[in-house]
Amino acid sequence: MTALEKKDFQNGNASSLSDMIEVRLQAYFQSLDGQLPSTDLHKTIMAQVEKPLLKVVLEHLGGNKLKASEALGLSRNTLSKKLKCYELT
């Protein structure tokens, strides 16, 4: 697989993930039946996405936090704080 094909493949996966998240969010808002969502909606949703992301990336990279931080575009310190916050340490 060429670098260009790999990039297209990764973008396709990200697009599919984005579509899936959008569908789930639409279902969530429909379930509210016109009521306002909680005031911490952004924080709640980000936590729901970020925790499994960190877990899967770490597993994929054999627990190597330096490689995981590089893959995620985070500093090692930021990654460590997030892992502690989500009790993934």
C-alpha atoms as a PDB file:
ATOM      1  CA  MET A   1       0.000   0.000   0.000  1.00  0.00           C
ATOM      2  CA  THR A   2       1.434   3.373  -0.978  1.00  0.00           C
ATOM      3  CA  ALA A   3       1.585   6.288   1.445  1.00  0.00           C
ATOM      4  CA  LEU A   4      -1.205   8.025  -0.493  1.00  0.00           C
ATOM      5  CA  GLU A   5      -3.437   4.931  -0.356  1.00  0.00           C
ATOM      6  CA  LYS A   6      -2.747   4.562   3.353  1.00  0.00           C
ATOM      7  CA  LYS A   7      -3.700   8.195   3.942  1.00  0.00           C
ATOM      8  CA  ASP A   8      -6.948   7.762   1.983  1.00  0.00           C
ATOM      9  CA  PHE A   9      -7.710   4.615   3.959  1.00  0.00           C
ATOM     10  CA  GLN A  10      -7.160   6.432   7.265  1.00  0.00           C
ATOM     11  CA  ASN A  11      -9.300   9.357   6.136  1.00  0.00           C
ATOM     12  CA  GLY A  12     -12.063   6.952   5.150  1.00  0.00           C
ATOM     13  CA  ASN A  13     -12.019   5.391   8.585  1.00  0.00           C
ATOM     14  CA  ALA A  14     -12.128   8.798  10.237  1.00  0.00           C
ATOM     15  CA  SER A  15     -15.028   9.784   7.998  1.00  0.00           C
ATOM     16  CA  SER A  16     -16.934   6.618   8.911  1.00  0.00           C
ATOM     17  CA  LEU A  17     -16.309   7.241  12.589  1.00  0.00           C
ATOM     18  CA  SER A  18     -17.481  10.824  12.232  1.00  0.00           C
ATOM     19  CA  ASP A  19     -20.652   9.656  10.465  1.00  0.00           C
ATOM     20  CA  MET A  20     -21.350   7.116  13.202  1.00  0.00           C
ATOM     21  CA  ILE A  21     -20.894   9.735  15.922  1.00  0.00           C
ATOM     22  CA  GLU A  22     -23.189  12.135  14.090  1.00  0.00           C
ATOM     23  CA  VAL A  23     -25.936   9.509  13.859  1.00  0.00           C
ATOM     24  CA  ARG A  24     -25.637   8.736  17.574  1.00  0.00           C
ATOM     25  CA  LEU A  25     -25.738  12.443  18.473  1.00  0.00           C
ATOM     26  CA  GLN A  26     -28.840  12.957  16.350  1.00  0.00           C
ATOM     27  CA  ALA A  27     -30.513  10.042  18.143  1.00  0.00           C
ATOM     28  CA  TYR A  28     -29.516  11.545  21.488  1.00  0.00           C
ATOM     29  CA  PHE A  29     -31.038  14.924  20.647  1.00  0.00           C
ATOM     30  CA  GLN A  30     -34.210  13.290  19.332  1.00  0.00           C
ATOM     31  CA  SER A  31     -34.507  11.416  22.637  1.00  0.00           C
ATOM     32  CA  LEU A  32     -34.512  14.742  24.502  1.00  0.00           C
ATOM     33  CA  ASP A  33     -37.886  15.517  22.936  1.00  0.00           C
ATOM     34  CA  GLY A  34     -37.286  19.263  22.773  1.00  0.00           C
ATOM     35  CA  GLN A  35     -35.642  19.581  26.178  1.00  0.00           C
ATOM     36  CA  LEU A  36     -32.247  21.206  26.573  1.00  0.00           C
ATOM     37  CA  PRO A  37     -29.250  18.881  27.003  1.00  0.00           C
ATOM     38  CA  SER A  38     -27.169  19.011  30.146  1.00  0.00           C
ATOM     39  CA  THR A  39     -24.888  22.025  30.527  1.00  0.00           C
ATOM     40  CA  ASP A  40     -21.767  19.839  30.476  1.00  0.00           C
ATOM     41  CA  LEU A  41     -22.664  18.070  27.242  1.00  0.00           C
ATOM     42  CA  HIS A  42     -19.369  18.858  25.491  1.00  0.00           C
ATOM     43  CA  LYS A  43     -17.276  17.592  28.398  1.00  0.00           C
ATOM     44  CA  THR A  44     -19.384  14.441  28.731  1.00  0.00           C
ATOM     45  CA  ILE A  45     -19.202  13.576  25.034  1.00  0.00           C
ATOM     46  CA  MET A  46     -15.486  14.298  24.804  1.00  0.00           C
ATOM     47  CA  ALA A  47     -14.848  11.975  27.740  1.00  0.00           C
ATOM     48  CA  GLN A  48     -16.926   9.260  26.075  1.00  0.00           C
ATOM     49  CA  VAL A  49     -14.740   9.488  22.964  1.00  0.00           C
ATOM     50  CA  GLU A  50     -11.361  10.264  24.509  1.00  0.00           C
ATOM     51  CA  LYS A  51     -11.167   7.458  27.057  1.00  0.00           C
ATOM     52  CA  PRO A  52     -11.578   4.597  24.557  1.00  0.00           C
ATOM     53  CA  LEU A  53      -9.290   6.411  22.110  1.00  0.00           C
ATOM     54  CA  LEU A  54      -6.495   6.565  24.664  1.00  0.00           C
ATOM     55  CA  LYS A  55      -7.070   2.958  25.692  1.00  0.00           C
ATOM     56  CA  VAL A  56      -7.018   1.604  22.130  1.00  0.00           C
ATOM     57  CA  VAL A  57      -3.976   3.637  21.072  1.00  0.00           C
ATOM     58  CA  LEU A  58      -2.026   2.459  24.120  1.00  0.00           C
ATOM     59  CA  GLU A  59      -3.023  -1.166  23.507  1.00  0.00           C
ATOM     60  CA  HIS A  60      -2.093  -0.882  19.824  1.00  0.00           C
ATOM     61  CA  LEU A  61       1.324   0.497  20.754  1.00  0.00           C
ATOM     62  CA  GLY A  62       2.018  -2.087  23.442  1.00  0.00           C
ATOM     63  CA  GLY A  63       1.591   0.360  26.303  1.00  0.00           C
ATOM     64  CA  ASN A  64       4.379   2.637  25.048  1.00  0.00           C
ATOM     65  CA  LYS A  65       3.308   6.055  26.325  1.00  0.00           C
ATOM     66  CA  LEU A  66       5.919   7.963  24.333  1.00  0.00           C
ATOM     67  CA  LYS A  67       4.732   6.448  21.045  1.00  0.00           C
ATOM     68  CA  ALA A  68       1.107   6.939  22.089  1.00  0.00           C
ATOM     69  CA  SER A  69       1.690  10.612  22.886  1.00  0.00           C
ATOM     70  CA  GLU A  70       3.356  11.099  19.501  1.00  0.00           C
ATOM     71  CA  ALA A  71       0.528   9.302  17.671  1.00  0.00           C
ATOM     72  CA  LEU A  72      -2.067  11.422  19.463  1.00  0.00           C
ATOM     73  CA  GLY A  73      -0.172  14.686  19.077  1.00  0.00           C
ATOM     74  CA  LEU A  74       0.006  15.178  22.836  1.00  0.00           C
ATOM     75  CA  SER A  75       2.917  15.828  25.134  1.00  0.00           C
ATOM     76  CA  ARG A  76       3.856  12.928  27.418  1.00  0.00           C
ATOM     77  CA  ASN A  77       2.779  14.981  30.414  1.00  0.00           C
ATOM     78  CA  THR A  78      -0.638  15.713  28.913  1.00  0.00           C
ATOM     79  CA  LEU A  79      -1.115  12.048  28.037  1.00  0.00           C
ATOM     80  CA  SER A  80      -0.137  11.021  31.562  1.00  0.00           C
ATOM     81  CA  LYS A  81      -2.636  13.470  33.058  1.00  0.00           C
ATOM     82  CA  LYS A  82      -5.409  12.191  30.808  1.00  0.00           C
ATOM     83  CA  LEU A  83      -4.592   8.568  31.624  1.00  0.00           C
ATOM     84  CA  LYS A  84      -4.745   9.368  35.324  1.00  0.00           C
ATOM     85  CA  CYS A  85      -8.003  11.290  34.899  1.00  0.00           C
ATOM     86  CA  TYR A  86      -9.646   8.322  33.139  1.00  0.00           C
ATOM     87  CA  GLU A  87      -8.011   5.836  35.529  1.00  0.00           C
ATOM     88  CA  LEU A  88      -6.127   4.140  32.690  1.00  0.00           C
ATOM     89  CA  THR A  89      -2.746   4.104  34.413  1.00  0.00           C
END
